[in-house]
PDB file of N, CA and C in Angstrom:
ATOM      1  N   UNK A   1      -2.576   2.657 -11.994  1.00  0.00           N
ATOM      2  CA  UNK A   1      -3.338   3.202 -10.897  1.00  0.00           C
ATOM      3  C   UNK A   1      -2.622   4.461 -10.402  1.00  0.00           C
ATOM      4  N   UNK A   2      -3.388   5.394  -9.942  1.00  0.00           N
ATOM      5  CA  UNK A   2      -2.866   6.640  -9.414  1.00  0.00           C
ATOM      6  C   UNK A   2      -2.409   6.429  -7.968  1.00  0.00           C
ATOM      7  N   UNK A   3      -1.221   6.935  -7.629  1.00  0.00           N
ATOM      8  CA  UNK A   3      -0.685   6.804  -6.273  1.00  0.00           C
ATOM      9  C   UNK A   3      -0.363   8.189  -5.737  1.00  0.00           C
ATOM     10  N   UNK A   4      -0.839   8.455  -4.523  1.00  0.00           N
ATOM     11  CA  UNK A   4      -0.463   9.678  -3.819  1.00  0.00           C
ATOM     12  C   UNK A   4       0.170   9.267  -2.492  1.00  0.00           C
ATOM     13  N   UNK A   5       0.767  10.227  -1.823  1.00  0.00           N
ATOM     14  CA  UNK A   5       1.472   9.944  -0.573  1.00  0.00           C
ATOM     15  C   UNK A   5       1.012  10.911   0.499  1.00  0.00           C
ATOM     16  N   UNK A   6       0.557  10.376   1.602  1.00  0.00           N
ATOM     17  CA  UNK A   6       0.139  11.215   2.721  1.00  0.00           C
ATOM     18  C   UNK A   6       1.351  11.789   3.451  1.00  0.00           C
ATOM     19  N   UNK A   7       2.457  11.066   3.419  1.00  0.00           N
ATOM     20  CA  UNK A   7       3.675  11.443   4.121  1.00  0.00           C
ATOM     21  C   UNK A   7       4.713  11.936   3.111  1.00  0.00           C
ATOM     22  N   UNK A   8       5.214  13.143   3.302  1.00  0.00           N
ATOM     23  CA  UNK A   8       6.163  13.724   2.340  1.00  0.00           C
ATOM     24  C   UNK A   8       7.465  12.929   2.284  1.00  0.00           C
ATOM     25  N   UNK A   9       7.867  12.317   3.392  1.00  0.00           N
ATOM     26  CA  UNK A   9       9.086  11.508   3.373  1.00  0.00           C
ATOM     27  C   UNK A   9       8.911  10.271   2.497  1.00  0.00           C
ATOM     28  N   UNK A  10       7.764   9.607   2.573  1.00  0.00           N
ATOM     29  CA  UNK A  10       7.531   8.438   1.727  1.00  0.00           C
ATOM     30  C   UNK A  10       7.551   8.825   0.253  1.00  0.00           C
ATOM     31  N   UNK A  11       7.037   9.996  -0.059  1.00  0.00           N
ATOM     32  CA  UNK A  11       7.077  10.472  -1.446  1.00  0.00           C
ATOM     33  C   UNK A  11       8.522  10.676  -1.895  1.00  0.00           C
ATOM     34  N   UNK A  12       9.349  11.224  -1.008  1.00  0.00           N
ATOM     35  CA  UNK A  12      10.762  11.398  -1.327  1.00  0.00           C
ATOM     36  C   UNK A  12      11.441  10.046  -1.542  1.00  0.00           C
ATOM     37  N   UNK A  13      11.142   9.070  -0.674  1.00  0.00           N
ATOM     38  CA  UNK A  13      11.744   7.734  -0.809  1.00  0.00           C
ATOM     39  C   UNK A  13      11.334   7.092  -2.135  1.00  0.00           C
ATOM     40  N   UNK A  14      10.108   7.349  -2.563  1.00  0.00           N
ATOM     41  CA  UNK A  14       9.621   6.778  -3.820  1.00  0.00           C
ATOM     42  C   UNK A  14      10.347   7.365  -5.019  1.00  0.00           C
ATOM     43  N   UNK A  15      10.841   8.586  -4.882  1.00  0.00           N
ATOM     44  CA  UNK A  15      11.455   9.288  -6.014  1.00  0.00           C
ATOM     45  C   UNK A  15      12.978   9.407  -5.947  1.00  0.00           C
ATOM     46  N   UNK A  16      13.557   9.076  -4.798  1.00  0.00           N
ATOM     47  CA  UNK A  16      15.008   9.217  -4.628  1.00  0.00           C
ATOM     48  C   UNK A  16      15.580   7.909  -4.076  1.00  0.00           C
ATOM     49  N   UNK A  17      16.143   7.094  -4.964  1.00  0.00           N
ATOM     50  CA  UNK A  17      16.642   5.775  -4.580  1.00  0.00           C
ATOM     51  C   UNK A  17      17.678   5.826  -3.462  1.00  0.00           C
ATOM     52  N   UNK A  18      18.637   6.718  -3.570  1.00  0.00           N
ATOM     53  CA  UNK A  18      19.696   6.773  -2.559  1.00  0.00           C
ATOM     54  C   UNK A  18      19.141   7.132  -1.183  1.00  0.00           C
ATOM     55  N   UNK A  19      18.187   8.053  -1.151  1.00  0.00           N
ATOM     56  CA  UNK A  19      17.557   8.431   0.117  1.00  0.00           C
ATOM     57  C   UNK A  19      16.766   7.252   0.683  1.00  0.00           C
ATOM     58  N   UNK A  20      16.035   6.558  -0.183  1.00  0.00           N
ATOM     59  CA  UNK A  20      15.251   5.401   0.264  1.00  0.00           C
ATOM     60  C   UNK A  20      16.155   4.341   0.877  1.00  0.00           C
ATOM     61  N   UNK A  21      17.280   4.055   0.232  1.00  0.00           N
ATOM     62  CA  UNK A  21      18.208   3.050   0.755  1.00  0.00           C
ATOM     63  C   UNK A  21      18.783   3.507   2.093  1.00  0.00           C
ATOM     64  N   UNK A  22      19.125   4.773   2.188  1.00  0.00           N
ATOM     65  CA  UNK A  22      19.696   5.294   3.436  1.00  0.00           C
ATOM     66  C   UNK A  22      18.694   5.232   4.589  1.00  0.00           C
ATOM     67  N   UNK A  23      17.435   5.559   4.310  1.00  0.00           N
ATOM     68  CA  UNK A  23      16.427   5.630   5.374  1.00  0.00           C
ATOM     69  C   UNK A  23      15.730   4.298   5.660  1.00  0.00           C
ATOM     70  N   UNK A  24      15.538   3.483   4.613  1.00  0.00           N
ATOM     71  CA  UNK A  24      14.788   2.242   4.774  1.00  0.00           C
ATOM     72  C   UNK A  24      15.671   1.001   4.804  1.00  0.00           C
ATOM     73  N   UNK A  25      16.896   1.136   4.358  1.00  0.00           N
ATOM     74  CA  UNK A  25      17.756  -0.026   4.188  1.00  0.00           C
ATOM     75  C   UNK A  25      17.583  -0.572   2.778  1.00  0.00           C
ATOM     76  N   UNK A  26      18.582  -1.256   2.299  1.00  0.00           N
ATOM     77  CA  UNK A  26      18.601  -1.723   0.917  1.00  0.00           C
ATOM     78  C   UNK A  26      17.429  -2.651   0.581  1.00  0.00           C
ATOM     79  N   UNK A  27      17.208  -3.650   1.403  1.00  0.00           N
ATOM     80  CA  UNK A  27      16.146  -4.638   1.142  1.00  0.00           C
ATOM     81  C   UNK A  27      14.764  -3.994   1.145  1.00  0.00           C
ATOM     82  N   UNK A  28      14.453  -3.243   2.201  1.00  0.00           N
ATOM     83  CA  UNK A  28      13.126  -2.631   2.310  1.00  0.00           C
ATOM     84  C   UNK A  28      12.894  -1.610   1.200  1.00  0.00           C
ATOM     85  N   UNK A  29      13.929  -0.832   0.860  1.00  0.00           N
ATOM     86  CA  UNK A  29      13.801   0.149  -0.217  1.00  0.00           C
ATOM     87  C   UNK A  29      13.518  -0.543  -1.542  1.00  0.00           C
ATOM     88  N   UNK A  30      14.193  -1.638  -1.799  1.00  0.00           N
ATOM     89  CA  UNK A  30      13.991  -2.377  -3.047  1.00  0.00           C
ATOM     90  C   UNK A  30      12.566  -2.921  -3.140  1.00  0.00           C
ATOM     91  N   UNK A  31      12.081  -3.517  -2.072  1.00  0.00           N
ATOM     92  CA  UNK A  31      10.724  -4.084  -2.085  1.00  0.00           C
ATOM     93  C   UNK A  31       9.684  -2.967  -2.133  1.00  0.00           C
ATOM     94  N   UNK A  32       9.919  -1.865  -1.444  1.00  0.00           N
ATOM     95  CA  UNK A  32       9.038  -0.693  -1.485  1.00  0.00           C
ATOM     96  C   UNK A  32       8.866  -0.225  -2.930  1.00  0.00           C
ATOM     97  N   UNK A  33       9.968  -0.077  -3.641  1.00  0.00           N
ATOM     98  CA  UNK A  33       9.911   0.344  -5.052  1.00  0.00           C
ATOM     99  C   UNK A  33       9.137  -0.665  -5.899  1.00  0.00           C
ATOM    100  N   UNK A  34       9.344  -1.959  -5.651  1.00  0.00           N
ATOM    101  CA  UNK A  34       8.637  -2.983  -6.421  1.00  0.00           C
ATOM    102  C   UNK A  34       7.133  -2.915  -6.180  1.00  0.00           C
ATOM    103  N   UNK A  35       6.725  -2.749  -4.923  1.00  0.00           N
ATOM    104  CA  UNK A  35       5.288  -2.660  -4.626  1.00  0.00           C
ATOM    105  C   UNK A  35       4.687  -1.421  -5.293  1.00  0.00           C
ATOM    106  N   UNK A  36       5.396  -0.299  -5.269  1.00  0.00           N
ATOM    107  CA  UNK A  36       4.893   0.905  -5.938  1.00  0.00           C
ATOM    108  C   UNK A  36       4.798   0.694  -7.440  1.00  0.00           C
ATOM    109  N   UNK A  37       5.793   0.031  -8.037  1.00  0.00           N
ATOM    110  CA  UNK A  37       5.744  -0.277  -9.469  1.00  0.00           C
ATOM    111  C   UNK A  37       4.547  -1.156  -9.797  1.00  0.00           C
ATOM    112  N   UNK A  38       4.286  -2.155  -8.942  1.00  0.00           N
ATOM    113  CA  UNK A  38       3.132  -3.035  -9.153  1.00  0.00           C
ATOM    114  C   UNK A  38       1.828  -2.240  -9.103  1.00  0.00           C
ATOM    115  N   UNK A  39       1.704  -1.353  -8.129  1.00  0.00           N
ATOM    116  CA  UNK A  39       0.494  -0.538  -7.999  1.00  0.00           C
ATOM    117  C   UNK A  39       0.334   0.413  -9.194  1.00  0.00           C
ATOM    118  N   UNK A  40       1.423   1.047  -9.602  1.00  0.00           N
ATOM    119  CA  UNK A  40       1.355   1.968 -10.750  1.00  0.00           C
ATOM    120  C   UNK A  40       0.936   1.250 -12.029  1.00  0.00           C
ATOM    121  N   UNK A  41       1.415   0.029 -12.217  1.00  0.00           N
ATOM    122  CA  UNK A  41       1.125  -0.732 -13.439  1.00  0.00           C
ATOM    123  C   UNK A  41      -0.303  -1.276 -13.462  1.00  0.00           C
ATOM    124  N   UNK A  42      -0.942  -1.330 -12.317  1.00  0.00           N
ATOM    125  CA  UNK A  42      -2.292  -1.886 -12.210  1.00  0.00           C
ATOM    126  C   UNK A  42      -3.339  -0.860 -12.643  1.00  0.00           C
ATOM    127  N   UNK A  43      -4.411  -1.342 -13.249  1.00  0.00           N
ATOM    128  CA  UNK A  43      -5.551  -0.471 -13.550  1.00  0.00           C
ATOM    129  C   UNK A  43      -6.429  -0.302 -12.320  1.00  0.00           C
ATOM    130  N   UNK A  44      -6.591  -1.395 -11.565  1.00  0.00           N
ATOM    131  CA  UNK A  44      -7.394  -1.373 -10.342  1.00  0.00           C
ATOM    132  C   UNK A  44      -6.661  -2.151  -9.258  1.00  0.00           C
ATOM    133  N   UNK A  45      -7.124  -2.039  -8.041  1.00  0.00           N
ATOM    134  CA  UNK A  45      -6.519  -2.769  -6.932  1.00  0.00           C
ATOM    135  C   UNK A  45      -6.640  -4.276  -7.134  1.00  0.00           C
ATOM    136  N   UNK A  46      -7.670  -4.708  -7.831  1.00  0.00           N
ATOM    137  CA  UNK A  46      -7.850  -6.135  -8.111  1.00  0.00           C
ATOM    138  C   UNK A  46      -6.652  -6.711  -8.866  1.00  0.00           C
ATOM    139  N   UNK A  47      -6.001  -5.907  -9.688  1.00  0.00           N
ATOM    140  CA  UNK A  47      -4.871  -6.376 -10.497  1.00  0.00           C
ATOM    141  C   UNK A  47      -3.658  -6.774  -9.661  1.00  0.00           C
ATOM    142  N   UNK A  48      -3.535  -6.290  -8.444  1.00  0.00           N
ATOM    143  CA  UNK A  48      -2.393  -6.651  -7.598  1.00  0.00           C
ATOM    144  C   UNK A  48      -2.763  -7.682  -6.535  1.00  0.00           C
ATOM    145  N   UNK A  49      -4.003  -8.005  -6.453  1.00  0.00           N
ATOM    146  CA  UNK A  49      -4.502  -8.865  -5.367  1.00  0.00           C
ATOM    147  C   UNK A  49      -3.719 -10.163  -5.227  1.00  0.00           C
ATOM    148  N   UNK A  50      -3.327 -10.773  -6.322  1.00  0.00           N
ATOM    149  CA  UNK A  50      -2.676 -12.080  -6.268  1.00  0.00           C
ATOM    150  C   UNK A  50      -1.196 -12.015  -6.622  1.00  0.00           C
ATOM    151  N   UNK A  51      -0.636 -10.812  -6.673  1.00  0.00           N
ATOM    152  CA  UNK A  51       0.802 -10.661  -6.899  1.00  0.00           C
ATOM    153  C   UNK A  51       1.563 -10.932  -5.596  1.00  0.00           C
ATOM    154  N   UNK A  52       2.866 -11.188  -5.694  1.00  0.00           N
ATOM    155  CA  UNK A  52       3.655 -11.304  -4.463  1.00  0.00           C
ATOM    156  C   UNK A  52       3.489 -10.040  -3.620  1.00  0.00           C
ATOM    157  N   UNK A  53       3.452 -10.208  -2.335  1.00  0.00           N
ATOM    158  CA  UNK A  53       3.300  -9.068  -1.433  1.00  0.00           C
ATOM    159  C   UNK A  53       2.088  -9.206  -0.536  1.00  0.00           C
ATOM    160  N   UNK A  54       1.241 -10.195  -0.808  1.00  0.00           N
ATOM    161  CA  UNK A  54       0.080 -10.457   0.051  1.00  0.00           C
ATOM    162  C   UNK A  54      -0.738  -9.186   0.305  1.00  0.00           C
ATOM    163  N   UNK A  55      -1.282  -8.617  -0.757  1.00  0.00           N
ATOM    164  CA  UNK A  55      -2.157  -7.443  -0.655  1.00  0.00           C
ATOM    165  C   UNK A  55      -3.455  -7.872   0.010  1.00  0.00           C
ATOM    166  N   UNK A  56      -3.826  -7.176   1.072  1.00  0.00           N
ATOM    167  CA  UNK A  56      -5.046  -7.569   1.778  1.00  0.00           C
ATOM    168  C   UNK A  56      -5.656  -6.390   2.533  1.00  0.00           C
ATOM    169  N   UNK A  57      -6.953  -6.535   2.789  1.00  0.00           N
ATOM    170  CA  UNK A  57      -7.696  -5.541   3.571  1.00  0.00           C
ATOM    171  C   UNK A  57      -7.358  -5.733   5.045  1.00  0.00           C
ATOM    172  N   UNK A  58      -7.342  -4.636   5.770  1.00  0.00           N
ATOM    173  CA  UNK A  58      -7.117  -4.707   7.208  1.00  0.00           C
ATOM    174  C   UNK A  58      -8.459  -4.637   7.934  1.00  0.00           C
ATOM    175  N   UNK A  59      -8.453  -5.000   9.185  1.00  0.00           N
ATOM    176  CA  UNK A  59      -9.686  -5.092   9.968  1.00  0.00           C
ATOM    177  C   UNK A  59      -9.592  -4.236  11.222  1.00  0.00           C
ATOM    178  N   UNK A  60     -10.664  -4.262  11.980  1.00  0.00           N
ATOM    179  CA  UNK A  60     -10.782  -3.613  13.286  1.00  0.00           C
ATOM    180  C   UNK A  60     -10.406  -2.138  13.222  1.00  0.00           C
ATOM    181  N   UNK A  61      -9.401  -1.697  13.982  1.00  0.00           N
ATOM    182  CA  UNK A  61      -9.092  -0.265  14.035  1.00  0.00           C
ATOM    183  C   UNK A  61      -8.420   0.237  12.750  1.00  0.00           C
ATOM    184  N   UNK A  62      -8.105  -0.660  11.832  1.00  0.00           N
ATOM    185  CA  UNK A  62      -7.518  -0.279  10.542  1.00  0.00           C
ATOM    186  C   UNK A  62      -8.452  -0.591   9.376  1.00  0.00           C
ATOM    187  N   UNK A  63      -9.733  -0.791   9.659  1.00  0.00           N
ATOM    188  CA  UNK A  63     -10.702  -1.049   8.597  1.00  0.00           C
ATOM    189  C   UNK A  63     -10.707   0.134   7.620  1.00  0.00           C
ATOM    190  N   UNK A  64     -10.733  -0.191   6.315  1.00  0.00           N
ATOM    191  CA  UNK A  64     -10.669   0.841   5.290  1.00  0.00           C
ATOM    192  C   UNK A  64      -9.257   1.063   4.785  1.00  0.00           C
ATOM    193  N   UNK A  65      -8.306   0.344   5.380  1.00  0.00           N
ATOM    194  CA  UNK A  65      -6.919   0.399   4.935  1.00  0.00           C
ATOM    195  C   UNK A  65      -6.535  -0.947   4.341  1.00  0.00           C
ATOM    196  N   UNK A  66      -5.529  -0.922   3.477  1.00  0.00           N
ATOM    197  CA  UNK A  66      -4.974  -2.130   2.881  1.00  0.00           C
ATOM    198  C   UNK A  66      -3.511  -2.207   3.264  1.00  0.00           C
ATOM    199  N   UNK A  67      -2.949  -3.415   3.135  1.00  0.00           N
ATOM    200  CA  UNK A  67      -1.559  -3.636   3.471  1.00  0.00           C
ATOM    201  C   UNK A  67      -0.935  -4.577   2.456  1.00  0.00           C
ATOM    202  N   UNK A  68       0.372  -4.437   2.267  1.00  0.00           N
ATOM    203  CA  UNK A  68       1.144  -5.433   1.529  1.00  0.00           C
ATOM    204  C   UNK A  68       2.496  -5.564   2.218  1.00  0.00           C
ATOM    205  N   UNK A  69       3.076  -6.753   2.098  1.00  0.00           N
ATOM    206  CA  UNK A  69       4.342  -7.047   2.759  1.00  0.00           C
ATOM    207  C   UNK A  69       5.502  -6.304   2.116  1.00  0.00           C
ATOM    208  N   UNK A  70       6.402  -5.845   2.960  1.00  0.00           N
ATOM    209  CA  UNK A  70       7.701  -5.367   2.515  1.00  0.00           C
ATOM    210  C   UNK A  70       8.687  -6.426   3.012  1.00  0.00           C
ATOM    211  N   UNK A  71       9.572  -6.073   3.930  1.00  0.00           N
ATOM    212  CA  UNK A  71      10.405  -7.085   4.574  1.00  0.00           C
ATOM    213  C   UNK A  71       9.818  -7.314   5.961  1.00  0.00           C
ATOM    214  N   UNK A  72       9.807  -8.547   6.400  1.00  0.00           N
ATOM    215  CA  UNK A  72       9.175  -8.873   7.671  1.00  0.00           C
ATOM    216  C   UNK A  72       9.828  -8.105   8.799  1.00  0.00           C
ATOM    217  N   UNK A  73       9.073  -7.540   9.700  1.00  0.00           N
ATOM    218  CA  UNK A  73       7.622  -7.558   9.822  1.00  0.00           C
ATOM    219  C   UNK A  73       6.953  -6.305   9.252  1.00  0.00           C
ATOM    220  N   UNK A  74       7.638  -5.577   8.391  1.00  0.00           N
ATOM    221  CA  UNK A  74       7.128  -4.284   7.925  1.00  0.00           C
ATOM    222  C   UNK A  74       6.157  -4.411   6.757  1.00  0.00           C
ATOM    223  N   UNK A  75       5.161  -3.525   6.772  1.00  0.00           N
ATOM    224  CA  UNK A  75       4.121  -3.499   5.749  1.00  0.00           C
ATOM    225  C   UNK A  75       3.974  -2.087   5.190  1.00  0.00           C
ATOM    226  N   UNK A  76       3.543  -2.019   3.935  1.00  0.00           N
ATOM    227  CA  UNK A  76       3.166  -0.766   3.300  1.00  0.00           C
ATOM    228  C   UNK A  76       1.664  -0.614   3.479  1.00  0.00           C
ATOM    229  N   UNK A  77       1.219   0.483   4.067  1.00  0.00           N
ATOM    230  CA  UNK A  77      -0.195   0.711   4.370  1.00  0.00           C
ATOM    231  C   UNK A  77      -0.730   1.792   3.441  1.00  0.00           C
ATOM    232  N   UNK A  78      -1.917   1.548   2.864  1.00  0.00           N
ATOM    233  CA  UNK A  78      -2.525   2.524   1.962  1.00  0.00           C
ATOM    234  C   UNK A  78      -4.042   2.461   2.046  1.00  0.00           C
ATOM    235  N   UNK A  79      -4.676   3.533   1.595  1.00  0.00           N
ATOM    236  CA  UNK A  79      -6.134   3.614   1.538  1.00  0.00           C
ATOM    237  C   UNK A  79      -6.546   3.956   0.108  1.00  0.00           C
ATOM    238  N   UNK A  80      -7.760   3.577  -0.277  1.00  0.00           N
ATOM    239  CA  UNK A  80      -8.241   3.936  -1.619  1.00  0.00           C
ATOM    240  C   UNK A  80      -8.536   5.429  -1.726  1.00  0.00           C
ATOM    241  N   UNK A  81      -8.407   5.960  -2.931  1.00  0.00           N
ATOM    242  CA  UNK A  81      -8.805   7.345  -3.180  1.00  0.00           C
ATOM    243  C   UNK A  81     -10.325   7.488  -3.136  1.00  0.00           C
ATOM    244  N   UNK A  82     -11.026   6.425  -3.512  1.00  0.00           N
ATOM    245  CA  UNK A  82     -12.483   6.483  -3.589  1.00  0.00           C
ATOM    246  C   UNK A  82     -13.084   6.723  -2.204  1.00  0.00           C
ATOM    247  N   UNK A  83     -13.996   7.668  -2.140  1.00  0.00           N
ATOM    248  CA  UNK A  83     -14.665   7.979  -0.879  1.00  0.00           C
ATOM    249  C   UNK A  83     -16.140   8.216  -1.166  1.00  0.00           C
ATOM    250  N   UNK A  84     -17.013   7.346  -0.746  1.00  0.00           N
ATOM    251  CA  UNK A  84     -16.761   6.167   0.074  1.00  0.00           C
ATOM    252  C   UNK A  84     -16.115   5.042  -0.733  1.00  0.00           C
ATOM    253  N   UNK A  85     -15.508   4.111  -0.012  1.00  0.00           N
ATOM    254  CA  UNK A  85     -14.892   2.953  -0.654  1.00  0.00           C
ATOM    255  C   UNK A  85     -16.015   2.101  -1.248  1.00  0.00           C
ATOM    256  N   UNK A  86     -15.904   1.709  -2.525  1.00  0.00           N
ATOM    257  CA  UNK A  86     -16.972   0.917  -3.155  1.00  0.00           C
ATOM    258  C   UNK A  86     -17.192  -0.424  -2.442  1.00  0.00           C
ATOM    259  N   UNK A  87     -18.461  -0.735  -2.192  1.00  0.00           N
ATOM    260  CA  UNK A  87     -18.821  -2.005  -1.570  1.00  0.00           C
ATOM    261  C   UNK A  87     -19.926  -2.675  -2.359  1.00  0.00           C
ATOM    262  N   UNK A  88     -20.032  -3.979  -2.183  1.00  0.00           N
ATOM    263  CA  UNK A  88     -21.141  -4.719  -2.799  1.00  0.00           C
ATOM    264  C   UNK A  88     -22.305  -4.766  -1.804  1.00  0.00           C
ATOM    265  N   UNK A  89     -23.437  -5.356  -2.182  1.00  0.00           N
ATOM    266  CA  UNK A  89     -24.590  -5.389  -1.273  1.00  0.00           C
ATOM    267  C   UNK A  89     -24.325  -6.092   0.066  1.00  0.00           C
ATOM    268  N   UNK A  90     -23.296  -6.963   0.098  1.00  0.00           N
ATOM    269  CA  UNK A  90     -22.954  -7.654   1.343  1.00  0.00           C
ATOM    270  C   UNK A  90     -21.976  -6.859   2.211  1.00  0.00           C
ATOM    271  N   UNK A  91     -21.588  -5.654   1.750  1.00  0.00           N
ATOM    272  CA  UNK A  91     -20.688  -4.813   2.516  1.00  0.00           C
ATOM    273  C   UNK A  91     -19.217  -5.090   2.283  1.00  0.00           C
ATOM    274  N   UNK A  92     -18.906  -5.973   1.354  1.00  0.00           N
ATOM    275  CA  UNK A  92     -17.503  -6.273   1.039  1.00  0.00           C
ATOM    276  C   UNK A  92     -16.963  -5.219   0.078  1.00  0.00           C
ATOM    277  N   UNK A  93     -15.681  -4.872   0.255  1.00  0.00           N
ATOM    278  CA  UNK A  93     -15.061  -3.907  -0.644  1.00  0.00           C
ATOM    279  C   UNK A  93     -14.930  -4.498  -2.047  1.00  0.00           C
ATOM    280  N   UNK A  94     -15.137  -3.655  -3.056  1.00  0.00           N
ATOM    281  CA  UNK A  94     -15.047  -4.077  -4.455  1.00  0.00           C
ATOM    282  C   UNK A  94     -13.702  -3.586  -4.995  1.00  0.00           C
ATOM    283  N   UNK A  95     -12.726  -4.474  -4.984  1.00  0.00           N
ATOM    284  CA  UNK A  95     -11.361  -4.131  -5.374  1.00  0.00           C
ATOM    285  C   UNK A  95     -11.280  -3.622  -6.813  1.00  0.00           C
ATOM    286  N   UNK A  96     -12.119  -4.159  -7.686  1.00  0.00           N
ATOM    287  CA  UNK A  96     -12.048  -3.809  -9.100  1.00  0.00           C
ATOM    288  C   UNK A  96     -12.491  -2.368  -9.371  1.00  0.00           C
ATOM    289  N   UNK A  97     -13.127  -1.729  -8.415  1.00  0.00           N
ATOM    290  CA  UNK A  97     -13.566  -0.337  -8.574  1.00  0.00           C
ATOM    291  C   UNK A  97     -12.612   0.668  -7.930  1.00  0.00           C
ATOM    292  N   UNK A  98     -11.523   0.179  -7.353  1.00  0.00           N
ATOM    293  CA  UNK A  98     -10.546   1.058  -6.707  1.00  0.00           C
ATOM    294  C   UNK A  98      -9.431   1.339  -7.708  1.00  0.00           C
ATOM    295  N   UNK A  99      -9.317   2.596  -8.112  1.00  0.00           N
ATOM    296  CA  UNK A  99      -8.387   2.986  -9.183  1.00  0.00           C
ATOM    297  C   UNK A  99      -7.249   3.897  -8.727  1.00  0.00           C
ATOM    298  N   UNK A 100      -7.161   4.138  -7.444  1.00  0.00           N
ATOM    299  CA  UNK A 100      -6.084   4.966  -6.913  1.00  0.00           C
ATOM    300  C   UNK A 100      -5.925   4.733  -5.423  1.00  0.00           C
ATOM    301  N   UNK A 101      -4.697   4.912  -4.935  1.00  0.00           N
ATOM    302  CA  UNK A 101      -4.436   4.700  -3.509  1.00  0.00           C
ATOM    303  C   UNK A 101      -3.585   5.830  -2.950  1.00  0.00           C
ATOM    304  N   UNK A 102      -3.742   6.053  -1.666  1.00  0.00           N
ATOM    305  CA  UNK A 102      -2.959   7.025  -0.907  1.00  0.00           C
ATOM    306  C   UNK A 102      -2.066   6.236   0.047  1.00  0.00           C
ATOM    307  N   UNK A 103      -0.764   6.287  -0.169  1.00  0.00           N
ATOM    308  CA  UNK A 103       0.181   5.572   0.692  1.00  0.00           C
ATOM    309  C   UNK A 103       0.294   6.339   2.005  1.00  0.00           C
ATOM    310  N   UNK A 104       0.024   5.630   3.091  1.00  0.00           N
ATOM    311  CA  UNK A 104      -0.023   6.261   4.413  1.00  0.00           C
ATOM    312  C   UNK A 104       1.289   6.109   5.176  1.00  0.00           C
ATOM    313  N   UNK A 105       1.779   4.855   5.260  1.00  0.00           N
ATOM    314  CA  UNK A 105       2.947   4.623   6.100  1.00  0.00           C
ATOM    315  C   UNK A 105       3.584   3.272   5.811  1.00  0.00           C
ATOM    316  N   UNK A 106       4.775   3.126   6.332  1.00  0.00           N
ATOM    317  CA  UNK A 106       5.442   1.834   6.429  1.00  0.00           C
ATOM    318  C   UNK A 106       5.535   1.559   7.915  1.00  0.00           C
ATOM    319  N   UNK A 107       5.012   0.412   8.341  1.00  0.00           N
ATOM    320  CA  UNK A 107       4.976   0.144   9.776  1.00  0.00           C
ATOM    321  C   UNK A 107       4.931  -1.351  10.048  1.00  0.00           C
ATOM    322  N   UNK A 108       5.187  -1.701  11.299  1.00  0.00           N
ATOM    323  CA  UNK A 108       4.952  -3.037  11.817  1.00  0.00           C
ATOM    324  C   UNK A 108       3.731  -2.916  12.706  1.00  0.00           C
ATOM    325  N   UNK A 109       2.527  -3.058  12.134  1.00  0.00           N
ATOM    326  CA  UNK A 109       1.315  -2.826  12.921  1.00  0.00           C
ATOM    327  C   UNK A 109       1.026  -3.953  13.896  1.00  0.00           C
ATOM    328  N   UNK A 110       1.710  -5.071  13.797  1.00  0.00           N
ATOM    329  CA  UNK A 110       1.481  -6.170  14.742  1.00  0.00           C
ATOM    330  C   UNK A 110       1.995  -5.821  16.132  1.00  0.00           C
ATOM    331  N   UNK A 111       2.986  -4.929  16.230  1.00  0.00           N
ATOM    332  CA  UNK A 111       3.482  -4.533  17.542  1.00  0.00           C
ATOM    333  C   UNK A 111       2.521  -3.601  18.266  1.00  0.00           C
ATOM    334  N   UNK A 112       1.484  -3.098  17.549  1.00  0.00           N
ATOM    335  CA  UNK A 112       0.518  -2.167  18.144  1.00  0.00           C
ATOM    336  C   UNK A 112      -0.443  -2.867  19.091  1.00  0.00           C
ATOM    337  N   UNK A 113      -0.512  -4.157  18.998  1.00  0.00           N
ATOM    338  CA  UNK A 113      -1.489  -4.903  19.815  1.00  0.00           C
ATOM    339  C   UNK A 113      -1.134  -4.947  21.258  1.00  0.00           C
TER     340      UNK A 113
END
């Protein structure tokens, strides 16, 4: 799957291990790299759906975004490249038609409530 980065720092962390460890910490940097490797190896978003990391769609003010676990409570947030996001007749997103993602941020969105 194709991966792009909305944030230039996240792109640097993805490509520079030492910088990622310094900025994210060893554990979070390691899991961040693993999630990116999983996404890159996938043909579609459906391929990562049941991998470790709890890939899932977000709701409410984050509808249209996806999340996967890094180290608790931090999550990797991304959106599909497809615009509009593919849906079925019931309005559910079709994961198998999503072939690229834009990494937005690493955050603890639960504290936003």
